[in-house]
N, C-alpha and C. Protein backbone atom coordinates (compact mmCIF):
# COMPACT_ATOMS: atom_id res chain seq x y z
N MET A 1 23.69 -12.40 1.94
CA MET A 1 23.42 -12.22 0.99
C MET A 1 24.01 -10.40 0.70
N PRO A 2 25.00 -9.75 -0.13
CA PRO A 2 25.34 -8.75 -0.04
C PRO A 2 24.42 -7.69 -0.77
N ASP A 3 24.12 -6.59 -0.70
CA ASP A 3 23.98 -5.11 -0.87
C ASP A 3 23.57 -5.00 -2.49
N GLU A 4 25.16 -5.47 -2.59
CA GLU A 4 25.10 -5.25 -3.79
C GLU A 4 24.06 -6.18 -5.00
N LEU A 5 24.03 -7.23 -4.41
CA LEU A 5 23.21 -8.26 -5.07
C LEU A 5 21.65 -8.28 -4.99
N TYR A 6 21.86 -7.75 -3.57
CA TYR A 6 20.20 -7.06 -3.06
C TYR A 6 19.24 -6.02 -4.78
N PHE A 7 20.61 -5.33 -4.54
CA PHE A 7 20.23 -4.10 -5.73
C PHE A 7 20.14 -4.29 -6.81
N GLU A 8 21.03 -5.41 -7.74
CA GLU A 8 20.77 -6.22 -8.87
C GLU A 8 19.18 -7.04 -9.08
N LEU A 9 18.98 -7.99 -8.21
CA LEU A 9 17.90 -8.41 -8.08
C LEU A 9 16.36 -6.89 -7.71
N ARG A 10 16.92 -5.96 -7.04
CA ARG A 10 15.77 -5.47 -7.38
C ARG A 10 15.05 -4.66 -8.89
N LYS A 11 16.91 -4.49 -9.48
CA LYS A 11 16.56 -3.44 -11.15
C LYS A 11 16.31 -5.06 -12.01
N GLU A 12 16.54 -6.34 -12.05
CA GLU A 12 15.51 -7.32 -12.25
C GLU A 12 14.31 -6.90 -12.21
N MET A 13 13.43 -7.19 -11.23
CA MET A 13 12.31 -7.50 -10.69
C MET A 13 12.15 -6.10 -11.72
N VAL A 14 12.29 -4.54 -11.44
CA VAL A 14 11.65 -3.65 -12.06
C VAL A 14 11.42 -3.90 -13.76
N GLU A 15 12.98 -4.27 -14.22
CA GLU A 15 12.45 -4.67 -15.81
C GLU A 15 11.62 -6.26 -16.02
N THR A 16 11.97 -6.49 -15.40
CA THR A 16 10.90 -8.34 -16.11
C THR A 16 9.08 -7.61 -15.43
N GLN A 17 9.11 -7.48 -14.33
CA GLN A 17 8.10 -8.06 -13.05
C GLN A 17 7.29 -6.14 -13.78
N LEU A 18 7.64 -5.25 -13.52
CA LEU A 18 6.83 -4.00 -13.65
C LEU A 18 6.85 -3.75 -14.77
N GLN A 19 8.08 -3.46 -15.67
CA GLN A 19 8.03 -2.43 -17.36
C GLN A 19 7.36 -3.09 -17.84
N ARG A 20 8.12 -4.41 -18.26
CA ARG A 20 7.61 -5.03 -19.72
C ARG A 20 5.78 -5.45 -19.51
N ARG A 21 5.18 -5.49 -17.80
CA ARG A 21 3.72 -5.55 -17.34
C ARG A 21 3.36 -3.88 -17.81
N GLY A 22 4.30 -3.02 -18.36
CA GLY A 22 3.43 -1.93 -18.86
C GLY A 22 3.18 -0.31 -17.55
N VAL A 23 4.24 -1.22 -16.36
CA VAL A 23 4.73 -0.06 -15.22
C VAL A 23 5.30 1.08 -15.86
N LYS A 24 4.67 2.44 -16.05
CA LYS A 24 6.15 3.19 -16.68
C LYS A 24 5.89 4.16 -16.18
N ASP A 25 5.21 5.11 -14.64
CA ASP A 25 5.83 5.73 -13.68
C ASP A 25 7.13 6.01 -13.26
N ASP A 26 7.82 7.21 -13.76
CA ASP A 26 9.10 6.86 -13.36
C ASP A 26 9.58 7.23 -11.89
N ARG A 27 8.57 7.63 -11.52
CA ARG A 27 8.60 7.98 -9.86
C ARG A 27 8.65 6.94 -9.00
N VAL A 28 7.23 6.18 -9.51
CA VAL A 28 7.51 4.46 -9.11
C VAL A 28 8.61 3.41 -9.22
N LEU A 29 8.61 3.36 -10.60
CA LEU A 29 10.26 2.72 -10.84
C LEU A 29 11.21 2.51 -9.80
N GLN A 30 11.69 4.53 -9.94
CA GLN A 30 13.15 4.42 -8.94
C GLN A 30 12.43 4.46 -7.62
N ALA A 31 11.49 4.45 -7.08
CA ALA A 31 11.34 4.06 -5.92
C ALA A 31 11.16 2.23 -5.67
N MET A 32 10.72 1.79 -6.15
CA MET A 32 11.23 0.36 -6.48
C MET A 32 12.47 -0.02 -6.55
N ARG A 33 13.16 0.50 -7.08
CA ARG A 33 14.87 -0.09 -7.33
C ARG A 33 15.21 0.56 -6.44
N CYS A 34 14.77 1.19 -5.62
CA CYS A 34 15.95 2.02 -3.66
C CYS A 34 15.35 1.59 -2.94
N VAL A 35 14.11 0.81 -2.58
CA VAL A 35 13.45 0.18 -1.15
C VAL A 35 13.93 -1.27 -1.50
N PRO A 36 14.05 -1.84 -0.23
CA PRO A 36 14.94 -2.46 0.19
C PRO A 36 13.78 -3.96 0.44
N ARG A 37 13.55 -4.34 -0.59
CA ARG A 37 12.04 -5.32 -0.54
C ARG A 37 12.70 -6.60 1.19
N HIS A 38 13.46 -6.97 0.95
CA HIS A 38 14.25 -8.03 1.27
C HIS A 38 13.94 -7.56 3.46
N GLU A 39 14.21 -6.21 3.38
CA GLU A 39 14.48 -5.70 4.80
C GLU A 39 13.15 -6.03 5.05
N PHE A 40 11.54 -5.90 4.48
CA PHE A 40 10.19 -5.81 5.15
C PHE A 40 9.45 -7.38 5.28
N VAL A 41 10.58 -8.58 4.53
CA VAL A 41 10.00 -9.83 4.84
C VAL A 41 10.79 -10.68 5.95
N PRO A 42 9.99 -12.14 6.79
CA PRO A 42 10.69 -12.46 7.30
C PRO A 42 11.80 -13.06 7.14
N GLU A 43 13.30 -13.07 7.87
CA GLU A 43 14.59 -13.66 8.09
C GLU A 43 14.63 -14.54 6.72
N GLN A 44 13.67 -15.60 6.83
CA GLN A 44 12.95 -17.16 5.90
C GLN A 44 13.59 -16.79 4.84
N SER A 45 12.47 -16.03 4.70
CA SER A 45 11.93 -15.41 3.19
C SER A 45 12.80 -14.48 2.23
N ARG A 46 13.67 -14.29 2.72
CA ARG A 46 14.36 -13.20 2.29
C ARG A 46 14.64 -14.04 0.75
N GLY A 47 14.67 -14.77 0.69
CA GLY A 47 15.78 -15.43 -0.50
C GLY A 47 14.35 -15.05 -1.76
N GLN A 48 12.96 -15.10 -1.20
CA GLN A 48 11.82 -14.59 -2.42
C GLN A 48 11.86 -13.72 -1.56
N ALA A 49 12.22 -12.44 -1.57
CA ALA A 49 11.73 -11.36 -1.57
C ALA A 49 11.84 -10.60 -2.95
N TYR A 50 12.41 -10.95 -3.81
CA TYR A 50 12.42 -10.35 -5.22
C TYR A 50 11.76 -11.67 -6.24
N ALA A 51 10.53 -11.79 -5.73
CA ALA A 51 10.01 -13.08 -6.96
C ALA A 51 8.89 -12.58 -6.94
N ASP A 52 8.11 -12.99 -8.29
CA ASP A 52 6.98 -12.30 -8.77
C ASP A 52 6.09 -13.12 -7.90
N GLY A 53 5.46 -12.72 -6.23
CA GLY A 53 4.36 -13.07 -5.52
C GLY A 53 4.22 -12.34 -4.47
N PRO A 54 2.98 -12.22 -3.52
CA PRO A 54 3.31 -12.41 -2.18
C PRO A 54 3.86 -13.15 -1.09
N LEU A 55 4.14 -12.44 -0.18
CA LEU A 55 4.61 -13.48 0.64
C LEU A 55 4.20 -13.26 2.04
N ALA A 56 4.06 -14.04 2.87
CA ALA A 56 3.56 -13.88 3.99
C ALA A 56 4.48 -13.40 5.32
N ILE A 57 3.63 -12.33 6.29
CA ILE A 57 4.63 -12.02 7.04
C ILE A 57 3.99 -12.05 8.87
N GLY A 58 2.92 -13.19 8.71
CA GLY A 58 2.65 -13.50 9.37
C GLY A 58 1.31 -12.65 10.38
N GLY A 59 0.87 -13.53 10.89
CA GLY A 59 -0.10 -13.16 11.92
C GLY A 59 -1.50 -12.72 10.08
N GLY A 60 -1.38 -14.13 9.31
CA GLY A 60 -2.71 -13.92 8.46
C GLY A 60 -2.30 -12.81 7.48
N GLN A 61 -1.46 -12.31 7.48
CA GLN A 61 -0.90 -11.36 6.46
C GLN A 61 0.11 -11.22 5.56
N THR A 62 0.30 -10.94 4.27
CA THR A 62 0.97 -10.53 3.18
C THR A 62 1.86 -9.33 3.14
N ILE A 63 3.09 -9.27 2.02
CA ILE A 63 3.59 -8.56 1.55
C ILE A 63 2.73 -8.52 0.09
N SER A 64 2.44 -7.63 -0.23
CA SER A 64 1.71 -7.25 -1.93
C SER A 64 2.66 -8.30 -2.57
N GLN A 65 2.26 -8.69 -4.12
CA GLN A 65 3.49 -9.14 -4.49
C GLN A 65 4.38 -7.71 -5.56
N PRO A 66 5.24 -7.19 -5.76
CA PRO A 66 5.89 -6.32 -6.47
C PRO A 66 5.00 -5.71 -7.95
N TYR A 67 4.53 -6.21 -8.74
CA TYR A 67 3.87 -5.13 -10.00
C TYR A 67 2.98 -5.05 -8.74
N MET A 68 1.75 -5.98 -8.01
CA MET A 68 0.90 -4.60 -7.61
C MET A 68 0.76 -4.19 -6.44
N VAL A 69 1.98 -3.71 -5.82
CA VAL A 69 2.67 -2.11 -5.18
C VAL A 69 2.63 -1.70 -5.86
N ALA A 70 3.09 -1.81 -7.04
CA ALA A 70 4.33 -0.60 -8.44
C ALA A 70 2.35 -0.30 -8.44
N ALA A 71 1.99 -0.42 -9.98
CA ALA A 71 0.55 -0.43 -9.70
C ALA A 71 -0.66 0.13 -9.61
N MET A 72 -0.55 -0.19 -8.11
CA MET A 72 -1.43 0.35 -7.66
C MET A 72 -1.10 2.39 -6.90
N THR A 73 0.04 2.35 -6.89
CA THR A 73 0.74 3.10 -6.27
C THR A 73 1.50 4.42 -7.67
N ALA A 74 1.02 3.10 -9.24
CA ALA A 74 1.23 4.33 -10.09
C ALA A 74 0.19 4.83 -10.83
N ALA A 75 -1.36 4.26 -10.03
CA ALA A 75 -2.41 4.91 -10.06
C ALA A 75 -2.91 5.76 -10.17
N LEU A 76 -2.14 5.96 -8.67
CA LEU A 76 -2.06 7.07 -7.63
C LEU A 76 -1.99 8.69 -8.32
N GLY A 77 -0.89 8.51 -9.23
CA GLY A 77 -0.10 9.73 -10.38
C GLY A 77 0.02 10.48 -9.61
N LEU A 78 1.44 10.43 -8.54
CA LEU A 78 1.83 10.70 -7.43
C LEU A 78 2.65 11.49 -7.94
N ASP A 79 3.16 13.42 -7.33
CA ASP A 79 4.03 13.57 -7.92
C ASP A 79 5.05 13.82 -6.94
N GLY A 80 5.30 14.16 -5.82
CA GLY A 80 5.61 14.41 -4.87
C GLY A 80 5.25 14.93 -3.57
N SER A 81 4.04 15.61 -4.26
CA SER A 81 3.48 16.66 -3.01
C SER A 81 3.05 16.54 -2.22
N GLU A 82 2.05 15.52 -2.30
CA GLU A 82 0.72 14.80 -1.46
C GLU A 82 0.83 14.24 -0.46
N ARG A 83 0.28 14.07 0.22
CA ARG A 83 -0.43 14.33 1.48
C ARG A 83 -1.07 13.12 1.16
N VAL A 84 -0.73 10.86 1.50
CA VAL A 84 -0.87 10.00 1.13
C VAL A 84 -1.50 9.34 3.22
N LEU A 85 -3.22 8.71 2.90
CA LEU A 85 -3.63 7.61 3.29
C LEU A 85 -3.29 6.07 2.74
N GLU A 86 -2.73 4.88 3.92
CA GLU A 86 -2.37 3.67 2.97
C GLU A 86 -2.63 2.73 4.17
N ILE A 87 -4.11 2.13 4.08
CA ILE A 87 -5.06 1.44 4.70
C ILE A 87 -4.39 0.32 4.84
N GLY A 88 -3.89 -0.16 5.95
CA GLY A 88 -3.21 -1.97 5.95
C GLY A 88 -1.47 -1.77 5.84
N THR A 89 -0.84 -1.31 7.11
CA THR A 89 0.47 -1.03 6.83
C THR A 89 1.50 -2.30 6.50
N GLY A 90 0.82 -3.29 7.59
CA GLY A 90 1.41 -4.73 7.46
C GLY A 90 3.14 -4.24 7.57
N SER A 91 3.59 -5.45 6.16
CA SER A 91 5.11 -5.09 6.72
C SER A 91 6.28 -3.03 6.98
N GLY A 92 5.03 -2.51 6.33
CA GLY A 92 5.52 -1.75 5.92
C GLY A 92 5.84 -1.01 4.55
N TYR A 93 6.13 -1.92 3.78
CA TYR A 93 7.02 -2.36 2.41
C TYR A 93 6.42 -1.19 1.12
N GLN A 94 4.88 -1.42 0.97
CA GLN A 94 3.98 -0.43 0.67
C GLN A 94 4.21 1.31 0.48
N THR A 95 4.10 1.39 2.10
CA THR A 95 4.52 2.76 2.53
C THR A 95 5.88 3.15 2.09
N ALA A 96 6.46 2.25 2.23
CA ALA A 96 7.78 3.11 1.65
C ALA A 96 8.14 3.34 1.22
N VAL A 97 7.66 2.98 -0.04
CA VAL A 97 7.09 2.99 -1.61
C VAL A 97 6.15 4.24 -1.71
N LEU A 98 5.61 4.84 -0.96
CA LEU A 98 4.42 6.30 -1.19
C LEU A 98 5.49 6.56 -0.88
N SER A 99 6.20 6.46 0.11
CA SER A 99 6.89 7.64 0.98
C SER A 99 7.95 8.46 0.69
N LEU A 100 8.99 7.43 -0.94
CA LEU A 100 9.37 7.59 -1.79
C LEU A 100 8.74 8.61 -2.95
N THR A 101 7.33 8.68 -3.18
CA THR A 101 6.76 9.06 -4.38
C THR A 101 5.83 10.15 -3.80
N SER A 102 5.65 10.18 -2.23
CA SER A 102 4.59 11.53 -2.15
C SER A 102 5.69 12.22 -1.06
N ARG A 103 4.45 13.33 -0.60
CA ARG A 103 5.29 14.78 0.82
C ARG A 103 4.87 13.81 2.26
N GLU A 104 4.19 12.82 2.87
CA GLU A 104 3.73 12.61 3.81
C GLU A 104 2.76 11.80 4.15
N VAL A 105 2.84 10.29 4.35
CA VAL A 105 2.53 9.52 4.29
C VAL A 105 1.82 9.04 5.83
N PHE A 106 0.22 8.59 5.93
CA PHE A 106 -0.02 8.49 7.27
C PHE A 106 -0.61 6.72 7.09
N SER A 107 -0.48 6.14 7.77
CA SER A 107 -0.55 4.53 7.89
C SER A 107 -0.72 4.29 8.89
N VAL A 108 -2.02 3.32 8.67
CA VAL A 108 -3.25 2.52 10.02
C VAL A 108 -2.97 1.35 9.92
N GLU A 109 -2.94 0.42 10.89
CA GLU A 109 -2.28 -0.80 10.66
C GLU A 109 -3.25 -0.97 12.05
N CYS A 110 -4.10 -2.42 11.55
CA CYS A 110 -5.28 -2.99 12.74
C CYS A 110 -4.34 -4.45 14.13
N ARG A 111 -3.16 -4.29 13.66
CA ARG A 111 -2.40 -5.46 14.29
C ARG A 111 -1.37 -5.06 15.19
N SER A 112 -1.88 -4.75 16.06
CA SER A 112 -0.17 -3.70 17.58
C SER A 112 1.14 -4.11 16.80
N GLU A 113 1.38 -5.46 16.87
CA GLU A 113 2.42 -5.82 17.01
C GLU A 113 3.47 -5.65 15.08
N LEU A 114 2.10 -5.26 14.08
CA LEU A 114 2.57 -4.96 12.61
C LEU A 114 2.99 -3.65 12.78
N ALA A 115 1.78 -3.09 13.72
CA ALA A 115 2.00 -1.67 13.30
C ALA A 115 3.15 -1.40 14.30
N VAL A 116 3.68 -1.75 14.94
CA VAL A 116 5.19 -1.23 16.13
C VAL A 116 6.16 -1.43 15.32
N GLY A 117 6.67 -2.73 14.56
CA GLY A 117 7.31 -3.78 13.51
C GLY A 117 7.60 -2.49 13.03
N ALA A 118 6.76 -2.43 11.62
CA ALA A 118 6.36 -1.65 10.44
C ALA A 118 7.34 0.01 11.19
N ALA A 119 6.54 0.54 11.84
CA ALA A 119 7.32 1.72 12.31
C ALA A 119 8.91 1.95 12.38
N GLU A 120 9.05 1.15 13.61
CA GLU A 120 10.78 1.15 13.82
C GLU A 120 11.28 0.52 13.21
N ARG A 121 10.79 -0.56 11.31
CA ARG A 121 12.03 -0.49 10.71
C ARG A 121 11.70 0.65 9.16
N LEU A 122 10.25 1.25 9.62
CA LEU A 122 10.76 2.08 8.54
C LEU A 122 11.48 3.44 9.01
N GLU A 123 11.57 3.56 10.90
CA GLU A 123 12.20 4.99 11.04
C GLU A 123 13.82 4.42 11.53
N ARG A 124 13.92 2.47 11.38
CA ARG A 124 15.28 2.30 10.98
C ARG A 124 16.19 2.38 9.35
N LEU A 125 15.23 2.06 8.51
CA LEU A 125 15.58 2.88 7.34
C LEU A 125 15.45 3.61 6.65
N GLY A 126 15.20 5.11 7.23
CA GLY A 126 15.12 6.20 7.64
C GLY A 126 14.38 7.51 6.73
N PHE A 127 13.15 5.96 6.33
CA PHE A 127 11.20 7.08 6.47
C PHE A 127 11.43 7.96 6.88
N ALA A 128 11.39 9.04 6.70
CA ALA A 128 11.39 9.96 7.89
C ALA A 128 10.10 10.86 7.67
N ASN A 129 9.40 10.52 6.74
CA ASN A 129 8.07 11.34 6.56
C ASN A 129 7.04 10.19 6.57
N VAL A 130 7.29 9.13 7.57
CA VAL A 130 5.71 8.95 7.94
C VAL A 130 5.40 8.59 9.14
N HIS A 131 4.07 7.79 8.96
CA HIS A 131 3.54 8.09 10.40
C HIS A 131 2.18 6.76 10.98
N VAL A 132 2.96 5.76 11.63
CA VAL A 132 2.28 4.96 11.65
C VAL A 132 1.85 4.98 13.00
N HIS A 133 0.25 4.71 12.42
CA HIS A 133 -1.08 4.84 13.74
C HIS A 133 -1.51 3.11 13.91
N CYS A 134 -1.75 2.83 14.93
CA CYS A 134 -2.41 1.65 14.97
C CYS A 134 -4.40 1.81 15.18
N GLY A 135 -5.11 1.52 14.57
CA GLY A 135 -6.83 0.94 14.90
C GLY A 135 -7.57 0.53 13.32
N ASP A 136 -8.76 0.97 13.43
CA ASP A 136 -9.92 0.14 12.57
C ASP A 136 -9.22 0.76 11.29
N GLY A 137 -8.02 1.01 10.27
CA GLY A 137 -8.41 0.91 9.35
C GLY A 137 -9.26 1.80 8.20
N SER A 138 -9.97 0.75 8.15
CA SER A 138 -11.51 1.08 7.44
C SER A 138 -12.08 2.34 8.05
N VAL A 139 -11.74 3.13 9.11
CA VAL A 139 -12.28 4.43 9.17
C VAL A 139 -11.71 5.76 9.08
N GLY A 140 -10.60 5.30 8.39
CA GLY A 140 -9.50 6.43 8.07
C GLY A 140 -8.85 7.22 9.42
N LEU A 141 -8.43 8.35 8.96
CA LEU A 141 -7.97 8.96 9.67
C LEU A 141 -7.61 10.41 9.72
N LYS A 142 -9.58 10.28 10.07
CA LYS A 142 -10.12 11.79 9.76
C LYS A 142 -9.19 12.96 10.88
N GLU A 143 -8.66 12.84 11.74
CA GLU A 143 -8.06 13.96 12.75
C GLU A 143 -7.12 14.93 12.29
N PHE A 144 -6.39 13.88 10.99
CA PHE A 144 -5.22 14.31 10.28
C PHE A 144 -5.49 15.39 8.65
N GLY A 145 -7.31 15.57 9.12
CA GLY A 145 -7.72 16.06 7.80
C GLY A 145 -8.17 15.36 6.22
N LEU A 146 -7.51 15.83 5.74
CA LEU A 146 -8.25 15.68 4.11
C LEU A 146 -6.95 14.81 3.80
N TYR A 147 -6.63 13.86 2.34
CA TYR A 147 -5.55 13.57 2.15
C TYR A 147 -6.00 13.81 0.65
N ASP A 148 -4.47 13.71 -0.91
CA ASP A 148 -5.15 13.92 -2.01
C ASP A 148 -5.22 12.10 -2.99
N ALA A 149 -4.28 11.48 -1.52
CA ALA A 149 -4.62 10.56 -2.26
C ALA A 149 -4.31 9.20 -0.79
N ILE A 150 -5.61 8.12 -1.28
CA ILE A 150 -5.75 6.93 0.02
C ILE A 150 -4.83 5.49 -1.21
N LEU A 151 -4.46 4.54 -0.23
CA LEU A 151 -4.42 3.29 -1.20
C LEU A 151 -4.66 2.36 0.29
N LEU A 152 -5.66 1.64 -0.71
CA LEU A 152 -6.20 0.57 0.64
C LEU A 152 -5.57 -1.21 0.33
N ALA A 153 -4.76 -1.59 1.26
CA ALA A 153 -3.59 -2.54 0.87
C ALA A 153 -4.38 -3.96 1.49
N ALA A 154 -5.83 -3.90 1.03
CA ALA A 154 -6.78 -4.76 2.13
C ALA A 154 -8.22 -4.67 1.18
N ALA A 155 -8.31 -5.77 0.83
CA ALA A 155 -9.87 -6.17 -0.03
C ALA A 155 -10.95 -5.93 0.72
N ALA A 156 -11.85 -4.85 -0.19
CA ALA A 156 -13.03 -4.71 1.17
C ALA A 156 -14.48 -4.79 0.10
N PRO A 157 -15.67 -4.95 0.80
CA PRO A 157 -17.01 -5.18 -0.05
C PRO A 157 -16.72 -3.72 -0.56
N SER A 158 -16.80 -3.14 -0.63
CA SER A 158 -17.21 -1.31 -1.05
C SER A 158 -16.16 -0.38 -0.50
N VAL A 159 -16.02 0.73 -1.32
CA VAL A 159 -15.12 1.66 -0.90
C VAL A 159 -16.06 2.35 -0.07
N PRO A 160 -15.20 1.68 1.75
CA PRO A 160 -15.52 2.95 2.44
C PRO A 160 -15.82 3.99 3.34
N GLN A 161 -17.04 4.59 3.18
CA GLN A 161 -17.72 5.93 2.96
C GLN A 161 -16.98 6.98 3.99
N PRO A 162 -16.27 6.53 4.99
CA PRO A 162 -15.42 7.70 5.40
C PRO A 162 -14.17 7.83 4.75
N LEU A 163 -13.61 6.60 4.06
CA LEU A 163 -12.78 7.06 3.99
C LEU A 163 -13.01 8.24 2.74
N LEU A 164 -13.94 7.88 1.24
CA LEU A 164 -14.66 8.81 0.14
C LEU A 164 -15.09 10.67 0.57
N GLU A 165 -14.80 10.47 2.29
CA GLU A 165 -15.07 11.93 2.58
C GLU A 165 -13.39 12.34 3.03
N GLN A 166 -12.58 11.19 3.25
CA GLN A 166 -11.53 11.94 3.90
C GLN A 166 -10.41 12.65 3.07
N LEU A 167 -11.01 12.33 1.47
CA LEU A 167 -10.70 12.46 0.69
C LEU A 167 -10.57 13.64 -0.50
N ASN A 168 -9.59 14.45 -0.21
CA ASN A 168 -9.40 15.96 -0.56
C ASN A 168 -10.21 16.31 -2.56
N GLU A 169 -10.96 17.58 -2.40
CA GLU A 169 -10.78 17.52 -4.42
C GLU A 169 -9.94 17.23 -5.13
N GLY A 170 -10.10 16.56 -5.90
CA GLY A 170 -8.58 16.70 -6.75
C GLY A 170 -8.18 15.34 -6.49
N GLY A 171 -8.01 14.57 -5.22
CA GLY A 171 -7.62 13.63 -4.70
C GLY A 171 -8.01 12.64 -5.70
N ARG A 172 -6.85 11.20 -5.30
CA ARG A 172 -7.86 9.76 -5.89
C ARG A 172 -7.42 8.45 -4.39
N LEU A 173 -7.97 7.02 -5.21
CA LEU A 173 -8.01 6.68 -4.25
C LEU A 173 -8.25 5.27 -5.10
N ILE A 174 -7.57 4.59 -4.19
CA ILE A 174 -7.13 2.98 -5.36
C ILE A 174 -7.63 2.26 -4.11
N ALA A 175 -8.02 1.21 -4.11
CA ALA A 175 -8.84 0.00 -3.28
C ALA A 175 -9.17 -1.55 -4.50
N PRO A 176 -8.96 -2.64 -3.58
CA PRO A 176 -9.24 -3.82 -4.09
C PRO A 176 -10.49 -4.23 -3.54
N ILE A 177 -11.61 -4.51 -4.74
CA ILE A 177 -13.28 -4.37 -4.06
C ILE A 177 -13.60 -6.00 -4.26
N GLY A 178 -14.46 -6.33 -3.80
CA GLY A 178 -15.37 -7.54 -4.59
C GLY A 178 -15.49 -8.32 -3.51
N THR A 179 -15.12 -9.68 -3.72
CA THR A 179 -15.51 -10.92 -2.66
C THR A 179 -14.43 -10.68 -1.73
N GLU A 180 -14.60 -11.49 -0.49
CA GLU A 180 -13.36 -12.28 0.18
C GLU A 180 -12.44 -12.86 -0.83
N GLU A 181 -13.04 -13.65 -1.99
CA GLU A 181 -12.41 -14.64 -2.92
C GLU A 181 -11.25 -13.54 -4.39
N HIS A 182 -12.39 -12.54 -4.64
CA HIS A 182 -11.75 -12.45 -5.78
C HIS A 182 -12.20 -10.82 -5.57
N GLN A 183 -11.16 -9.71 -6.46
CA GLN A 183 -11.73 -8.35 -6.45
C GLN A 183 -10.60 -7.93 -7.61
N GLU A 184 -11.32 -6.99 -7.99
CA GLU A 184 -10.87 -5.71 -9.41
C GLU A 184 -10.36 -4.26 -8.13
N LEU A 185 -9.58 -4.24 -8.72
CA LEU A 185 -9.03 -2.96 -7.76
C LEU A 185 -10.09 -1.52 -9.19
N MET A 186 -9.95 -0.66 -7.73
CA MET A 186 -11.10 0.44 -8.31
C MET A 186 -10.49 1.19 -7.67
N LEU A 187 -10.14 2.66 -9.15
CA LEU A 187 -9.94 3.94 -8.79
C LEU A 187 -10.61 4.65 -8.44
N VAL A 188 -10.61 5.34 -7.37
CA VAL A 188 -11.93 6.76 -7.07
C VAL A 188 -11.44 8.17 -7.45
N LYS A 189 -11.65 8.57 -8.10
CA LYS A 189 -11.33 10.76 -8.11
C LYS A 189 -12.15 11.43 -7.56
N ARG A 190 -12.13 11.95 -7.02
CA ARG A 190 -12.91 13.37 -5.87
C ARG A 190 -12.90 14.78 -7.53
N ARG A 191 -13.75 14.69 -7.69
CA ARG A 191 -14.01 15.76 -8.91
C ARG A 191 -15.37 16.52 -8.48
N GLY A 192 -15.22 18.13 -8.21
CA GLY A 192 -16.09 18.97 -7.69
C GLY A 192 -16.81 18.08 -7.02
N GLY A 193 -16.26 17.59 -6.00
CA GLY A 193 -17.74 16.98 -5.15
C GLY A 193 -17.99 16.37 -5.27
N GLU A 194 -18.01 14.99 -6.92
CA GLU A 194 -18.46 14.69 -7.11
C GLU A 194 -17.28 12.96 -6.70
N PHE A 195 -18.40 11.55 -7.12
CA PHE A 195 -16.74 10.86 -6.75
C PHE A 195 -16.77 10.15 -8.61
N VAL A 196 -16.07 9.24 -9.39
CA VAL A 196 -15.96 9.24 -10.39
C VAL A 196 -15.26 7.63 -10.14
N THR A 197 -15.65 6.94 -10.47
CA THR A 197 -15.00 5.57 -10.62
C THR A 197 -14.93 4.62 -11.81
N MET A 198 -13.89 3.99 -11.81
CA MET A 198 -12.72 3.70 -12.88
C MET A 198 -12.53 1.98 -12.64
N ARG A 199 -12.68 0.92 -12.79
CA ARG A 199 -12.41 -0.75 -12.63
C ARG A 199 -10.73 -0.78 -13.64
N GLY A 200 -10.81 -1.66 -12.91
CA GLY A 200 -9.27 -2.23 -13.38
C GLY A 200 -9.48 -3.55 -13.51
N GLU A 201 -7.78 -3.56 -12.68
CA GLU A 201 -7.68 -5.53 -13.85
C GLU A 201 -7.37 -6.53 -11.71
N GLY A 202 -8.05 -7.96 -11.76
CA GLY A 202 -8.43 -8.48 -11.27
C GLY A 202 -7.68 -8.60 -9.95
N CYS A 203 -7.68 -9.23 -8.59
CA CYS A 203 -6.43 -9.31 -8.06
C CYS A 203 -7.25 -10.11 -6.91
N ARG A 204 -6.01 -10.37 -5.87
CA ARG A 204 -6.74 -11.12 -4.49
C ARG A 204 -6.00 -9.98 -3.84
N PHE A 205 -6.79 -9.85 -2.39
CA PHE A 205 -6.02 -8.92 -1.41
C PHE A 205 -6.06 -9.94 -0.19
N VAL A 206 -5.99 -9.60 1.02
CA VAL A 206 -6.40 -10.33 2.20
C VAL A 206 -7.21 -8.99 2.75
N PRO A 207 -8.84 -9.47 3.74
CA PRO A 207 -9.54 -8.95 3.86
C PRO A 207 -9.40 -7.87 5.12
N LEU A 208 -9.72 -7.01 4.85
CA LEU A 208 -9.89 -5.66 5.05
C LEU A 208 -10.55 -5.17 6.67
N VAL A 209 -10.07 -5.25 7.59
CA VAL A 209 -10.78 -5.71 8.76
C VAL A 209 -10.82 -4.48 9.49
N GLY A 210 -12.61 -4.37 10.30
CA GLY A 210 -12.87 -3.35 10.75
C GLY A 210 -14.54 -2.71 10.63
N ARG A 211 -14.58 -1.79 10.70
CA ARG A 211 -15.99 -1.12 10.81
C ARG A 211 -16.79 -1.53 9.74
N TYR A 212 -15.67 -1.33 8.62
CA TYR A 212 -16.22 -0.80 6.84
C TYR A 212 -15.23 -1.73 6.13
N GLY A 213 -14.99 -3.63 6.50
CA GLY A 213 -14.76 -4.18 5.96
C GLY A 213 -14.52 -5.65 6.28
N TRP A 214 -14.71 -6.51 6.17
CA TRP A 214 -15.55 -7.89 6.11
C TRP A 214 -15.22 -8.65 7.61
N LYS A 215 -14.25 -8.19 8.60
CA LYS A 215 -14.41 -8.74 9.59
C LYS A 215 -14.21 -7.39 11.01
N ASN A 216 -14.87 -7.83 12.22
CA ASN A 216 -14.86 -6.71 13.35
C ASN A 216 -13.32 -6.61 14.08
N TRP A 217 -12.69 -5.43 13.09
CA TRP A 217 -11.62 -5.77 14.31
C TRP A 217 -12.01 -5.58 15.78
N GLY A 218 -13.30 -5.39 16.89
CA GLY A 218 -13.27 -5.34 18.02
C GLY A 218 -12.95 -6.72 18.37
N ILE A 219 -12.87 -7.82 18.09
CA ILE A 219 -13.31 -9.34 18.40
C ILE A 219 -12.10 -10.15 18.06
N LEU A 220 -10.28 -8.93 17.66
CA LEU A 220 -9.38 -10.13 16.94
C LEU A 220 -8.87 -9.60 18.39
């Protein structure tokens, strides 16, 4: 499919799936127009790359629905100056969107084949402000300091305490929290050493793997 057609599909995706559902953040909308989602899905799924839903990427993992990527990114209120931590790199699509809306992105993926593939893909496509690591994302990446925003792209029973501790003063965290079958988006803001929590819409993500997730990363 020609690049021009993919570009038109992205424009249509932004208008019909994002703007009509209330996503208004201009930085997020522009990022979603720019990131070539078809590069982040398996070859056989490229025809559905801009469809309104998640897609399998292998290993029981998915690339999230475009609307959910946009809604979670918009909830963080990024202005381009932030250091962001992402938990669950997957194919790297959400990572790419974060890279265009923030200063620097640190992303953690527990599956080595996905981490390697995402890192190579992001580098090839020119997303230079991204650092992909393989490990237990539920404990974060404290060795790189505090983060202005944290995004969990996998469902957890509760917000992992290590991630709260790695959130900078004034920072925001967005995560799908609930059971393995159903979650709600939870936005946490750190203000004056306290955490203010707001609940959002229902959703369903793959389970977070790790010490503070639903599955033990060490036995995979």
